[in-house]
Amino acid sequence: MTIARETAGLLAKLGVAEAALSGGDLIVRSPVTGEQIAALKTISPTGAAETIDRAHKAFQAWR
């Protein structure tokens, strides 16, 4: 099993869709082998702030 497959399997168990690990321009590599693990999509600073705000509100409601 490659590190990329193992990583995808572990993230899937945490609810991260495999599609989220490909198609982006931010390449993630294993520090051990240099193997590409993922190609993540990036978002704008505004998009990041909106995502963080939604996550914070969801956490407040959950707590």
PDB file of N, CA and C in Angstrom:
ATOM      1  N   MET A   1       0.858  -1.184   0.000  1.00  0.00           N
ATOM      2  CA  MET A   1       0.000   0.000   0.000  1.00  0.00           C
ATOM      3  C   MET A   1       0.899   1.240   0.000  1.00  0.00           C
ATOM      4  N   THR A   2       0.546   2.200  -0.827  1.00  0.00           N
ATOM      5  CA  THR A   2       1.313   3.440  -0.878  1.00  0.00           C
ATOM      6  C   THR A   2       0.881   4.360   0.259  1.00  0.00           C
ATOM      7  N   ILE A   3       1.729   5.319   0.559  1.00  0.00           N
ATOM      8  CA  ILE A   3       1.385   6.297   1.594  1.00  0.00           C
ATOM      9  C   ILE A   3       0.146   7.082   1.174  1.00  0.00           C
ATOM     10  N   ALA A   4       0.029   7.389  -0.109  1.00  0.00           N
ATOM     11  CA  ALA A   4      -1.142   8.124  -0.602  1.00  0.00           C
ATOM     12  C   ALA A   4      -2.425   7.335  -0.357  1.00  0.00           C
ATOM     13  N   ARG A   5      -2.427   6.039  -0.647  1.00  0.00           N
ATOM     14  CA  ARG A   5      -3.612   5.192  -0.427  1.00  0.00           C
ATOM     15  C   ARG A   5      -3.914   5.090   1.060  1.00  0.00           C
ATOM     16  N   GLU A   6      -2.885   4.912   1.867  1.00  0.00           N
ATOM     17  CA  GLU A   6      -3.083   4.803   3.313  1.00  0.00           C
ATOM     18  C   GLU A   6      -3.651   6.101   3.877  1.00  0.00           C
ATOM     19  N   THR A   7      -3.122   7.226   3.414  1.00  0.00           N
ATOM     20  CA  THR A   7      -3.615   8.528   3.863  1.00  0.00           C
ATOM     21  C   THR A   7      -5.070   8.726   3.453  1.00  0.00           C
ATOM     22  N   ALA A   8      -5.397   8.398   2.213  1.00  0.00           N
ATOM     23  CA  ALA A   8      -6.778   8.527   1.733  1.00  0.00           C
ATOM     24  C   ALA A   8      -7.712   7.659   2.567  1.00  0.00           C
ATOM     25  N   GLY A   9      -7.277   6.449   2.905  1.00  0.00           N
ATOM     26  CA  GLY A   9      -8.099   5.559   3.728  1.00  0.00           C
ATOM     27  C   GLY A   9      -8.328   6.107   5.123  1.00  0.00           C
ATOM     28  N   LEU A  10      -7.279   6.639   5.726  1.00  0.00           N
ATOM     29  CA  LEU A  10      -7.418   7.214   7.070  1.00  0.00           C
ATOM     30  C   LEU A  10      -8.327   8.438   7.054  1.00  0.00           C
ATOM     31  N   LEU A  11      -8.148   9.301   6.053  1.00  0.00           N
ATOM     32  CA  LEU A  11      -9.001  10.485   5.961  1.00  0.00           C
ATOM     33  C   LEU A  11     -10.450  10.110   5.674  1.00  0.00           C
ATOM     34  N   ALA A  12     -10.674   9.064   4.896  1.00  0.00           N
ATOM     35  CA  ALA A  12     -12.039   8.601   4.625  1.00  0.00           C
ATOM     36  C   ALA A  12     -12.721   8.175   5.920  1.00  0.00           C
ATOM     37  N   LYS A  13     -11.980   7.535   6.813  1.00  0.00           N
ATOM     38  CA  LYS A  13     -12.544   7.136   8.107  1.00  0.00           C
ATOM     39  C   LYS A  13     -12.933   8.342   8.949  1.00  0.00           C
ATOM     40  N   LEU A  14     -12.291   9.494   8.670  1.00  0.00           N
ATOM     41  CA  LEU A  14     -12.623  10.731   9.378  1.00  0.00           C
ATOM     42  C   LEU A  14     -13.698  11.541   8.656  1.00  0.00           C
ATOM     43  N   GLY A  15     -14.204  11.003   7.536  1.00  0.00           N
ATOM     44  CA  GLY A  15     -15.281  11.669   6.812  1.00  0.00           C
ATOM     45  C   GLY A  15     -14.827  12.576   5.684  1.00  0.00           C
ATOM     46  N   VAL A  16     -13.551  12.531   5.322  1.00  0.00           N
ATOM     47  CA  VAL A  16     -13.050  13.354   4.223  1.00  0.00           C
ATOM     48  C   VAL A  16     -13.221  12.575   2.924  1.00  0.00           C
ATOM     49  N   ALA A  17     -13.961  13.142   2.001  1.00  0.00           N
ATOM     50  CA  ALA A  17     -14.201  12.479   0.715  1.00  0.00           C
ATOM     51  C   ALA A  17     -12.912  12.392  -0.093  1.00  0.00           C
ATOM     52  N   GLU A  18     -12.733  11.279  -0.790  1.00  0.00           N
ATOM     53  CA  GLU A  18     -11.525  11.099  -1.599  1.00  0.00           C
ATOM     54  C   GLU A  18     -11.414  12.186  -2.667  1.00  0.00           C
ATOM     55  N   ALA A  19     -12.545  12.678  -3.153  1.00  0.00           N
ATOM     56  CA  ALA A  19     -12.536  13.734  -4.172  1.00  0.00           C
ATOM     57  C   ALA A  19     -11.882  15.014  -3.658  1.00  0.00           C
ATOM     58  N   ALA A  20     -11.887  15.215  -2.349  1.00  0.00           N
ATOM     59  CA  ALA A  20     -11.272  16.410  -1.768  1.00  0.00           C
ATOM     60  C   ALA A  20      -9.751  16.364  -1.843  1.00  0.00           C
ATOM     61  N   LEU A  21      -9.203  15.200  -2.147  1.00  0.00           N
ATOM     62  CA  LEU A  21      -7.751  15.034  -2.156  1.00  0.00           C
ATOM     63  C   LEU A  21      -7.137  15.185  -3.541  1.00  0.00           C
ATOM     64  N   SER A  22      -7.938  15.532  -4.529  1.00  0.00           N
ATOM     65  CA  SER A  22      -7.399  15.645  -5.885  1.00  0.00           C
ATOM     66  C   SER A  22      -8.029  16.817  -6.617  1.00  0.00           C
ATOM     67  N   GLY A  23      -7.392  17.206  -7.701  1.00  0.00           N
ATOM     68  CA  GLY A  23      -7.948  18.249  -8.552  1.00  0.00           C
ATOM     69  C   GLY A  23      -7.516  19.653  -8.206  1.00  0.00           C
ATOM     70  N   GLY A  24      -6.698  19.808  -7.186  1.00  0.00           N
ATOM     71  CA  GLY A  24      -6.259  21.140  -6.800  1.00  0.00           C
ATOM     72  C   GLY A  24      -4.839  21.436  -7.223  1.00  0.00           C
ATOM     73  N   ASP A  25      -4.393  22.643  -6.909  1.00  0.00           N
ATOM     74  CA  ASP A  25      -3.046  23.048  -7.304  1.00  0.00           C
ATOM     75  C   ASP A  25      -2.053  23.090  -6.140  1.00  0.00           C
ATOM     76  N   LEU A  26      -2.501  22.768  -4.939  1.00  0.00           N
ATOM     77  CA  LEU A  26      -1.614  22.726  -3.776  1.00  0.00           C
ATOM     78  C   LEU A  26      -1.190  21.270  -3.563  1.00  0.00           C
ATOM     79  N   ILE A  27       0.016  20.946  -3.980  1.00  0.00           N
ATOM     80  CA  ILE A  27       0.517  19.573  -3.913  1.00  0.00           C
ATOM     81  C   ILE A  27       1.027  19.281  -2.505  1.00  0.00           C
ATOM     82  N   VAL A  28       0.577  18.166  -1.942  1.00  0.00           N
ATOM     83  CA  VAL A  28       1.003  17.715  -0.616  1.00  0.00           C
ATOM     84  C   VAL A  28       1.852  16.466  -0.812  1.00  0.00           C
ATOM     85  N   ARG A  29       3.048  16.478  -0.219  1.00  0.00           N
ATOM     86  CA  ARG A  29       3.964  15.345  -0.365  1.00  0.00           C
ATOM     87  C   ARG A  29       4.317  14.759   0.989  1.00  0.00           C
ATOM     88  N   SER A  30       4.594  13.473   1.004  1.00  0.00           N
ATOM     89  CA  SER A  30       5.062  12.801   2.212  1.00  0.00           C
ATOM     90  C   SER A  30       6.468  13.293   2.529  1.00  0.00           C
ATOM     91  N   PRO A  31       6.720  13.694   3.770  1.00  0.00           N
ATOM     92  CA  PRO A  31       8.082  14.091   4.129  1.00  0.00           C
ATOM     93  C   PRO A  31       9.036  12.895   4.185  1.00  0.00           C
ATOM     94  N   VAL A  32       8.484  11.699   4.221  1.00  0.00           N
ATOM     95  CA  VAL A  32       9.297  10.483   4.307  1.00  0.00           C
ATOM     96  C   VAL A  32       9.808  10.063   2.931  1.00  0.00           C
ATOM     97  N   THR A  33       8.901  10.003   1.947  1.00  0.00           N
ATOM     98  CA  THR A  33       9.264   9.473   0.628  1.00  0.00           C
ATOM     99  C   THR A  33       9.228  10.505  -0.489  1.00  0.00           C
ATOM    100  N   GLY A  34       8.605  11.644  -0.236  1.00  0.00           N
ATOM    101  CA  GLY A  34       8.424  12.636  -1.288  1.00  0.00           C
ATOM    102  C   GLY A  34       7.258  12.326  -2.207  1.00  0.00           C
ATOM    103  N   GLU A  35       6.586  11.201  -1.945  1.00  0.00           N
ATOM    104  CA  GLU A  35       5.435  10.789  -2.752  1.00  0.00           C
ATOM    105  C   GLU A  35       4.302  11.803  -2.613  1.00  0.00           C
ATOM    106  N   GLN A  36       3.630  12.104  -3.722  1.00  0.00           N
ATOM    107  CA  GLN A  36       2.473  12.996  -3.662  1.00  0.00           C
ATOM    108  C   GLN A  36       1.333  12.287  -2.951  1.00  0.00           C
ATOM    109  N   ILE A  37       0.796  12.950  -1.936  1.00  0.00           N
ATOM    110  CA  ILE A  37      -0.307  12.398  -1.152  1.00  0.00           C
ATOM    111  C   ILE A  37      -1.639  12.971  -1.628  1.00  0.00           C
ATOM    112  N   ALA A  38      -1.628  14.248  -1.991  1.00  0.00           N
ATOM    113  CA  ALA A  38      -2.869  14.908  -2.382  1.00  0.00           C
ATOM    114  C   ALA A  38      -2.562  16.117  -3.249  1.00  0.00           C
ATOM    115  N   ALA A  39      -3.595  16.613  -3.909  1.00  0.00           N
ATOM    116  CA  ALA A  39      -3.549  17.864  -4.658  1.00  0.00           C
ATOM    117  C   ALA A  39      -4.786  18.643  -4.226  1.00  0.00           C
ATOM    118  N   LEU A  40      -4.605  19.478  -3.229  1.00  0.00           N
ATOM    119  CA  LEU A  40      -5.730  20.156  -2.594  1.00  0.00           C
ATOM    120  C   LEU A  40      -6.137  21.416  -3.337  1.00  0.00           C
ATOM    121  N   LYS A  41      -7.425  21.690  -3.295  1.00  0.00           N
ATOM    122  CA  LYS A  41      -7.949  22.928  -3.859  1.00  0.00           C
ATOM    123  C   LYS A  41      -7.725  24.040  -2.837  1.00  0.00           C
ATOM    124  N   THR A  42      -7.421  25.223  -3.316  1.00  0.00           N
ATOM    125  CA  THR A  42      -7.242  26.368  -2.430  1.00  0.00           C
ATOM    126  C   THR A  42      -8.465  27.279  -2.538  1.00  0.00           C
ATOM    127  N   ILE A  43      -8.639  28.123  -1.527  1.00  0.00           N
ATOM    128  CA  ILE A  43      -9.727  29.102  -1.556  1.00  0.00           C
ATOM    129  C   ILE A  43      -9.152  30.472  -1.233  1.00  0.00           C
ATOM    130  N   SER A  44      -9.916  31.486  -1.512  1.00  0.00           N
ATOM    131  CA  SER A  44      -9.484  32.860  -1.267  1.00  0.00           C
ATOM    132  C   SER A  44      -9.496  33.153   0.233  1.00  0.00           C
ATOM    133  N   PRO A  45      -8.812  34.214   0.651  1.00  0.00           N
ATOM    134  CA  PRO A  45      -8.879  34.601   2.063  1.00  0.00           C
ATOM    135  C   PRO A  45     -10.317  34.852   2.533  1.00  0.00           C
ATOM    136  N   THR A  46     -11.141  35.435   1.673  1.00  0.00           N
ATOM    137  CA  THR A  46     -12.540  35.667   2.031  1.00  0.00           C
ATOM    138  C   THR A  46     -13.270  34.340   2.209  1.00  0.00           C
ATOM    139  N   GLY A  47     -13.039  33.411   1.305  1.00  0.00           N
ATOM    140  CA  GLY A  47     -13.649  32.087   1.418  1.00  0.00           C
ATOM    141  C   GLY A  47     -13.210  31.375   2.682  1.00  0.00           C
ATOM    142  N   ALA A  48     -11.938  31.521   3.032  1.00  0.00           N
ATOM    143  CA  ALA A  48     -11.428  30.901   4.260  1.00  0.00           C
ATOM    144  C   ALA A  48     -12.100  31.514   5.483  1.00  0.00           C
ATOM    145  N   ALA A  49     -12.222  32.833   5.501  1.00  0.00           N
ATOM    146  CA  ALA A  49     -12.857  33.509   6.634  1.00  0.00           C
ATOM    147  C   ALA A  49     -14.315  33.077   6.779  1.00  0.00           C
ATOM    148  N   GLU A  50     -15.021  32.949   5.668  1.00  0.00           N
ATOM    149  CA  GLU A  50     -16.421  32.510   5.710  1.00  0.00           C
ATOM    150  C   GLU A  50     -16.531  31.076   6.221  1.00  0.00           C
ATOM    151  N   THR A  51     -15.627  30.221   5.787  1.00  0.00           N
ATOM    152  CA  THR A  51     -15.629  28.826   6.232  1.00  0.00           C
ATOM    153  C   THR A  51     -15.345  28.730   7.721  1.00  0.00           C
ATOM    154  N   ILE A  52     -14.381  29.501   8.191  1.00  0.00           N
ATOM    155  CA  ILE A  52     -14.048  29.513   9.621  1.00  0.00           C
ATOM    156  C   ILE A  52     -15.225  30.030  10.429  1.00  0.00           C
ATOM    157  N   ASP A  53     -15.889  31.062   9.932  1.00  0.00           N
ATOM    158  CA  ASP A  53     -17.049  31.617  10.633  1.00  0.00           C
ATOM    159  C   ASP A  53     -18.175  30.585  10.738  1.00  0.00           C
ATOM    160  N   ARG A  54     -18.444  29.864   9.649  1.00  0.00           N
ATOM    161  CA  ARG A  54     -19.481  28.820   9.688  1.00  0.00           C
ATOM    162  C   ARG A  54     -19.102  27.709  10.665  1.00  0.00           C
ATOM    163  N   ALA A  55     -17.839  27.328  10.667  1.00  0.00           N
ATOM    164  CA  ALA A  55     -17.385  26.275  11.585  1.00  0.00           C
ATOM    165  C   ALA A  55     -17.501  26.742  13.033  1.00  0.00           C
ATOM    166  N   HIS A  56     -17.161  27.989  13.284  1.00  0.00           N
ATOM    167  CA  HIS A  56     -17.259  28.530  14.645  1.00  0.00           C
ATOM    168  C   HIS A  56     -18.716  28.537  15.114  1.00  0.00           C
ATOM    169  N   LYS A  57     -19.616  28.983  14.249  1.00  0.00           N
ATOM    170  CA  LYS A  57     -21.038  29.007  14.603  1.00  0.00           C
ATOM    171  C   LYS A  57     -21.569  27.593  14.847  1.00  0.00           C
ATOM    172  N   ALA A  58     -21.145  26.650  14.027  1.00  0.00           N
ATOM    173  CA  ALA A  58     -21.576  25.258  14.218  1.00  0.00           C
ATOM    174  C   ALA A  58     -21.047  24.709  15.539  1.00  0.00           C
ATOM    175  N   PHE A  59     -19.808  25.052  15.876  1.00  0.00           N
ATOM    176  CA  PHE A  59     -19.234  24.597  17.141  1.00  0.00           C
ATOM    177  C   PHE A  59     -19.995  25.194  18.322  1.00  0.00           C
ATOM    178  N   GLN A  60     -20.321  26.474  18.239  1.00  0.00           N
ATOM    179  CA  GLN A  60     -21.059  27.125  19.326  1.00  0.00           C
ATOM    180  C   GLN A  60     -22.420  26.461  19.532  1.00  0.00           C
ATOM    181  N   ALA A  61     -23.091  26.119  18.439  1.00  0.00           N
ATOM    182  CA  ALA A  61     -24.393  25.449  18.538  1.00  0.00           C
ATOM    183  C   ALA A  61     -24.241  24.036  19.103  1.00  0.00           C
ATOM    184  N   TRP A  62     -23.171  23.354  18.735  1.00  0.00           N
ATOM    185  CA  TRP A  62     -22.926  21.977  19.192  1.00  0.00           C
ATOM    186  C   TRP A  62     -22.574  21.947  20.670  1.00  0.00           C
ATOM    187  N   ARG A  63     -21.798  22.893  21.093  1.00  0.00           N
ATOM    188  CA  ARG A  63     -21.274  22.947  22.450  1.00  0.00           C
ATOM    189  C   ARG A  63     -22.402  23.172  23.405  1.00  0.00           C
TER     190      ARG A  63
END
